[in-house]
Amino acid sequence: MNLQRIRFAFRAFGLHLAISVAIALLGAMLVFVLWFPEPYAAMVGGLELFEILLAVDIACGPLLTLVVFTPAKSHKELMLDLTLIAVLQLCAFGYGVQTMWHARPVYLAYEVDRFFVITHANIHPDDWAVAPSDVPRPGWTGPRMLAVHVAQPSDADYLAQVQISLNGLDAAYRPDRWMPYEQAASQLKARAQPLEALYKLHPNAGLLIDRGVHKTGRPNGQLRWLPVQTKKGADWIGLIDIENLNVLGYLPLNGFQDGLLENGSVYLGDG
């Protein structure tokens, strides 16, 4: 009887697992193709969030089916169990997808000497109302570009703005300081660094930098770079076409100190 029960339960477990995997693959396409295009999943922790989502989804679905399924139960009892498990699993999956929706990167913001990756969760819900109307709204397909108006000594609220930044809230994460990306073009061109500086900063990453430059399809003289910072740190740099200011790709290099992330991959942007 025990062997029969095990076979019965594992048959149901396998079917439920196959359905769950199919749904998870659809979810992965939504998350990693639209919401977290490479390399943003690595930048802001999207991969770790999705792994937690899968673990919870399997625990709430196939594993519960394995536990409760037994031939001793009637067909009606089994259908009731499956319905309850399916509802629980869908609720858990839906909550996980909603969490990833809020954790998705929505802006790549230029500020003085770096880019900030801004996720939807980085912005307080009440602050969205003060975002300038000429800044693009968050989309479904990865972050959009914007620039940050940094407080100047001549501004009436200069001291207040400096105090807010000193308290740990960078201007990039305050929608009232946002402005269209194009308005910072002259400053970005002046601040973006030449490739020679990147080779000098990372003398052991020459081959990685070469691959990144080659994949952009632009000559070295047309490329510049700036650090890319997230709440996790500044372990990436963005390669910029200095003519149109598009970010063409990313390298897993710290823009402020020597060092290389473990994966050593090259990622191309949409520009």
Protein backbone atom coordinates (compact mmCIF):
# COMPACT_ATOMS: atom_id res chain seq x y z
CA MET A 1 0.00 0.00 0.00
CA ASN A 2 2.82 2.39 0.84
CA LEU A 3 4.53 1.67 -2.48
CA GLN A 4 1.25 2.21 -4.30
CA ARG A 5 0.74 5.49 -2.48
CA ILE A 6 4.26 6.66 -3.35
CA ARG A 7 3.82 5.84 -7.04
CA PHE A 8 0.44 7.55 -7.08
CA ALA A 9 1.79 10.68 -5.38
CA PHE A 10 4.92 10.92 -7.53
CA ARG A 11 2.86 10.61 -10.70
CA ALA A 12 0.76 13.58 -9.60
CA PHE A 13 3.90 15.40 -8.42
CA GLY A 14 5.57 14.98 -11.82
CA LEU A 15 2.55 16.29 -13.71
CA HIS A 16 2.17 19.25 -11.36
CA LEU A 17 5.89 19.99 -11.58
CA ALA A 18 5.79 19.98 -15.40
CA ILE A 19 2.90 22.45 -15.40
CA SER A 20 4.70 24.64 -12.84
CA VAL A 21 7.90 24.65 -14.90
CA ALA A 22 5.99 25.68 -18.01
CA ILE A 23 4.40 28.59 -16.15
CA ALA A 24 7.78 29.50 -14.62
CA LEU A 25 9.36 29.63 -18.10
CA LEU A 26 6.67 32.04 -19.27
CA GLY A 27 7.30 34.10 -16.14
CA ALA A 28 11.04 34.07 -16.81
CA MET A 29 10.48 35.42 -20.33
CA LEU A 30 8.38 38.25 -18.92
CA VAL A 31 10.91 39.06 -16.19
CA PHE A 32 14.23 38.71 -17.99
CA VAL A 33 13.25 39.83 -21.48
CA LEU A 34 10.99 42.77 -20.63
CA TRP A 35 11.54 43.86 -17.02
CA PHE A 36 15.18 42.96 -16.33
CA PRO A 37 17.03 42.93 -19.68
CA GLU A 38 20.69 42.03 -19.32
CA PRO A 39 22.60 42.97 -17.29
CA TYR A 40 20.02 44.57 -14.99
CA ALA A 41 19.06 41.28 -13.34
CA ALA A 42 22.64 41.02 -12.10
CA MET A 43 22.86 44.71 -11.26
CA VAL A 44 19.81 45.00 -9.01
CA GLY A 45 19.32 41.41 -7.81
CA GLY A 46 16.52 40.33 -10.14
CA LEU A 47 17.96 36.83 -10.52
CA GLU A 48 17.97 36.24 -6.76
CA LEU A 49 14.37 37.41 -6.49
CA PHE A 50 13.29 35.06 -9.27
CA GLU A 51 15.06 32.13 -7.61
CA ILE A 52 13.12 32.82 -4.39
CA LEU A 53 9.93 33.03 -6.42
CA LEU A 54 10.59 29.61 -7.99
CA ALA A 55 11.45 28.03 -4.65
CA VAL A 56 8.22 29.28 -3.06
CA ASP A 57 6.21 28.30 -6.13
CA ILE A 58 7.50 24.71 -6.05
CA ALA A 59 6.97 24.45 -2.30
CA CYS A 60 3.39 25.73 -2.60
CA GLY A 61 2.57 23.53 -5.57
CA PRO A 62 4.21 20.23 -6.53
CA LEU A 63 5.59 19.49 -3.06
CA LEU A 64 2.18 19.96 -1.45
CA THR A 65 0.69 17.70 -4.12
CA LEU A 66 3.30 15.06 -3.26
CA VAL A 67 2.31 15.26 0.41
CA VAL A 68 -1.50 15.17 0.13
CA PHE A 69 -2.03 12.90 -2.89
CA THR A 70 -3.04 9.37 -1.93
CA PRO A 71 -5.26 6.72 -3.58
CA ALA A 72 -7.11 6.36 -0.28
CA LYS A 73 -8.90 9.65 -0.96
CA SER A 74 -11.98 9.91 -3.11
CA HIS A 75 -11.96 11.72 -6.43
CA LYS A 76 -13.90 14.59 -4.86
CA GLU A 77 -11.40 14.91 -2.02
CA LEU A 78 -8.46 14.91 -4.42
CA MET A 79 -10.06 17.61 -6.59
CA LEU A 80 -10.69 19.74 -3.51
CA ASP A 81 -7.07 19.33 -2.42
CA LEU A 82 -5.79 20.22 -5.88
CA THR A 83 -8.04 23.27 -6.08
CA LEU A 84 -6.80 24.59 -2.73
CA ILE A 85 -3.17 23.93 -3.68
CA ALA A 86 -3.64 25.63 -7.06
CA VAL A 87 -5.19 28.70 -5.44
CA LEU A 88 -2.36 28.88 -2.89
CA GLN A 89 0.26 28.44 -5.60
CA LEU A 90 -1.26 31.07 -7.88
CA CYS A 91 -1.49 33.56 -5.02
CA ALA A 92 2.15 32.99 -4.10
CA PHE A 93 3.23 33.23 -7.75
CA GLY A 94 1.18 36.36 -8.30
CA TYR A 95 2.66 38.01 -5.21
CA GLY A 96 6.15 37.11 -6.41
CA VAL A 97 5.54 38.53 -9.88
CA GLN A 98 4.15 41.71 -8.33
CA THR A 99 7.27 42.00 -6.18
CA MET A 100 9.47 41.69 -9.26
CA TRP A 101 7.35 44.29 -11.06
CA HIS A 102 8.10 46.78 -8.30
CA ALA A 103 11.78 45.76 -8.17
CA ARG A 104 12.29 46.24 -11.91
CA PRO A 105 14.68 48.98 -13.11
CA VAL A 106 12.74 51.88 -14.58
CA TYR A 107 15.40 54.56 -15.18
CA LEU A 108 19.08 54.95 -15.92
CA ALA A 109 19.76 58.39 -14.51
CA TYR A 110 22.80 60.48 -15.35
CA GLU A 111 24.14 62.54 -12.41
CA VAL A 112 27.43 64.49 -12.64
CA ASP A 113 30.00 61.68 -12.99
CA ARG A 114 27.96 58.46 -13.04
CA PHE A 115 24.72 56.72 -13.93
CA PHE A 116 22.26 55.53 -11.30
CA VAL A 117 20.01 52.52 -11.89
CA ILE A 118 16.65 53.42 -10.37
CA THR A 119 14.13 50.70 -9.64
CA HIS A 120 10.43 51.29 -9.15
CA ALA A 121 10.84 50.30 -5.50
CA ASN A 122 13.54 52.97 -4.97
CA ILE A 123 10.94 55.72 -5.32
CA HIS A 124 8.39 56.45 -2.58
CA PRO A 125 4.86 56.08 -4.03
CA ASP A 126 3.94 59.66 -3.07
CA ASP A 127 6.98 61.08 -4.90
CA TRP A 128 5.87 59.98 -8.37
CA ALA A 129 3.40 62.88 -8.42
CA VAL A 130 6.21 65.47 -8.45
CA ALA A 131 8.10 63.94 -11.39
CA PRO A 132 8.37 66.46 -14.27
CA SER A 133 5.89 65.92 -17.07
CA ASP A 134 8.64 66.03 -19.72
CA VAL A 135 10.41 63.00 -18.22
CA PRO A 136 9.27 59.71 -19.81
CA ARG A 137 7.02 57.53 -17.68
CA PRO A 138 8.30 54.10 -16.57
CA GLY A 139 7.87 51.46 -19.26
CA TRP A 140 7.63 47.68 -19.57
CA THR A 141 10.87 47.06 -21.38
CA GLY A 142 13.76 48.04 -19.16
CA PRO A 143 14.95 51.41 -17.92
CA ARG A 144 14.53 54.71 -19.71
CA MET A 145 17.04 57.56 -19.74
CA LEU A 146 16.86 60.73 -17.68
CA ALA A 147 19.21 63.22 -16.06
CA VAL A 148 19.37 64.68 -12.57
CA HIS A 149 19.43 68.36 -11.69
CA VAL A 150 22.11 68.70 -9.02
CA ALA A 151 21.69 71.54 -6.53
CA GLN A 152 23.89 74.56 -7.15
CA PRO A 153 25.13 77.08 -4.54
CA SER A 154 23.01 79.74 -6.25
CA ASP A 155 19.80 77.75 -5.67
CA ALA A 156 17.51 78.99 -2.92
CA ASP A 157 17.12 75.48 -1.51
CA TYR A 158 20.78 74.53 -1.90
CA LEU A 159 21.47 73.82 1.80
CA ALA A 160 18.26 71.82 2.15
CA GLN A 161 19.11 69.72 -0.90
CA VAL A 162 22.64 69.07 0.38
CA GLN A 163 21.26 67.98 3.75
CA ILE A 164 18.87 65.51 2.11
CA SER A 165 21.77 64.01 0.15
CA LEU A 166 23.92 63.82 3.29
CA ASN A 167 21.08 61.90 4.94
CA GLY A 168 21.53 59.18 2.31
CA LEU A 169 18.95 60.05 -0.36
CA ASP A 170 20.81 60.86 -3.55
CA ALA A 171 19.23 63.37 -5.89
CA ALA A 172 18.82 60.59 -8.49
CA TYR A 173 16.18 58.94 -6.28
CA ARG A 174 14.12 62.14 -5.91
CA PRO A 175 11.71 62.68 -8.83
CA ASP A 176 11.52 66.43 -8.20
CA ARG A 177 15.21 66.61 -9.28
CA TRP A 178 14.72 64.75 -12.58
CA MET A 179 14.93 66.30 -16.02
CA PRO A 180 15.06 65.06 -19.62
CA TYR A 181 18.28 63.27 -20.52
CA GLU A 182 18.95 65.60 -23.44
CA GLN A 183 19.22 68.62 -21.15
CA ALA A 184 22.43 67.23 -19.63
CA ALA A 185 24.10 66.50 -22.97
CA SER A 186 26.85 69.11 -22.68
CA GLN A 187 27.70 68.13 -19.11
CA LEU A 188 27.75 64.42 -19.93
CA LYS A 189 30.07 64.97 -22.89
CA ALA A 190 32.43 66.91 -20.66
CA ARG A 191 32.34 64.35 -17.84
CA ALA A 192 32.40 61.07 -19.78
CA GLN A 193 35.83 59.47 -19.63
CA PRO A 194 37.94 58.17 -22.52
CA LEU A 195 38.68 54.47 -22.93
CA GLU A 196 42.34 55.08 -22.08
CA ALA A 197 41.30 55.88 -18.53
CA LEU A 198 39.39 52.59 -18.29
CA TYR A 199 42.35 50.55 -19.52
CA LYS A 200 44.53 52.35 -16.99
CA LEU A 201 42.07 51.78 -14.14
CA HIS A 202 41.74 48.06 -14.99
CA PRO A 203 45.05 46.98 -16.52
CA ASN A 204 44.17 43.28 -16.03
CA ALA A 205 40.83 43.55 -17.86
CA GLY A 206 42.15 44.58 -21.26
CA LEU A 207 40.64 41.61 -23.12
CA LEU A 208 37.23 42.16 -21.51
CA ILE A 209 37.29 45.83 -22.45
CA ASP A 210 38.39 44.96 -25.99
CA ARG A 211 35.45 42.57 -26.38
CA GLY A 212 33.04 45.17 -25.06
CA VAL A 213 34.34 47.82 -27.43
CA HIS A 214 34.22 45.41 -30.38
CA LYS A 215 30.60 44.46 -29.67
CA THR A 216 29.47 48.07 -29.74
CA GLY A 217 30.63 48.37 -33.34
CA ARG A 218 32.02 51.84 -32.68
CA PRO A 219 35.63 53.01 -33.02
CA ASN A 220 37.51 53.65 -29.79
CA GLY A 221 37.56 57.37 -30.35
CA GLN A 222 33.76 57.48 -30.44
CA LEU A 223 33.32 55.71 -27.10
CA ARG A 224 33.37 57.08 -23.59
CA TRP A 225 32.39 55.50 -20.27
CA LEU A 226 30.99 56.31 -16.84
CA PRO A 227 30.42 54.25 -13.68
CA VAL A 228 26.97 52.72 -13.18
CA GLN A 229 25.77 52.72 -9.58
CA THR A 230 22.94 50.86 -7.88
CA LYS A 231 21.89 50.50 -4.26
CA LYS A 232 24.26 47.51 -4.18
CA GLY A 233 27.33 49.48 -5.27
CA ALA A 234 29.17 50.73 -8.37
CA ASP A 235 30.45 47.50 -9.87
CA TRP A 236 29.55 48.27 -13.49
CA ILE A 237 30.45 50.78 -16.17
CA GLY A 238 28.44 51.93 -19.18
CA LEU A 239 29.97 52.38 -22.64
CA ILE A 240 28.64 55.57 -24.25
CA ASP A 241 28.49 56.66 -27.87
CA ILE A 242 29.74 60.23 -27.40
CA GLU A 243 27.97 61.42 -30.58
CA ASN A 244 24.39 60.51 -29.60
CA LEU A 245 24.96 59.70 -25.89
CA ASN A 246 23.35 56.27 -26.16
CA VAL A 247 24.59 53.69 -23.65
CA LEU A 248 25.68 50.88 -25.94
CA GLY A 249 26.81 48.26 -23.45
CA TYR A 250 27.97 47.41 -19.97
CA LEU A 251 31.06 45.85 -18.45
CA PRO A 252 31.25 44.28 -14.96
CA LEU A 253 33.98 46.66 -13.82
CA ASN A 254 34.00 49.02 -10.88
CA GLY A 255 34.18 52.54 -12.21
CA PHE A 256 36.03 53.93 -9.23
CA GLN A 257 38.58 51.27 -8.35
CA ASP A 258 40.45 48.33 -9.80
CA GLY A 259 38.52 45.04 -9.72
CA LEU A 260 36.50 42.65 -11.86
CA LEU A 261 33.24 40.86 -11.12
CA GLU A 262 33.31 37.09 -11.29
CA ASN A 263 31.31 36.62 -14.48
CA GLY A 264 33.52 38.78 -16.71
CA SER A 265 30.75 39.12 -19.31
CA VAL A 266 30.00 41.85 -21.84
CA TYR A 267 26.48 43.18 -22.17
CA LEU A 268 25.11 45.31 -24.97
CA GLY A 269 22.48 47.97 -24.49
CA ASP A 270 19.70 49.06 -26.82
CA GLY A 271 21.48 52.06 -28.32
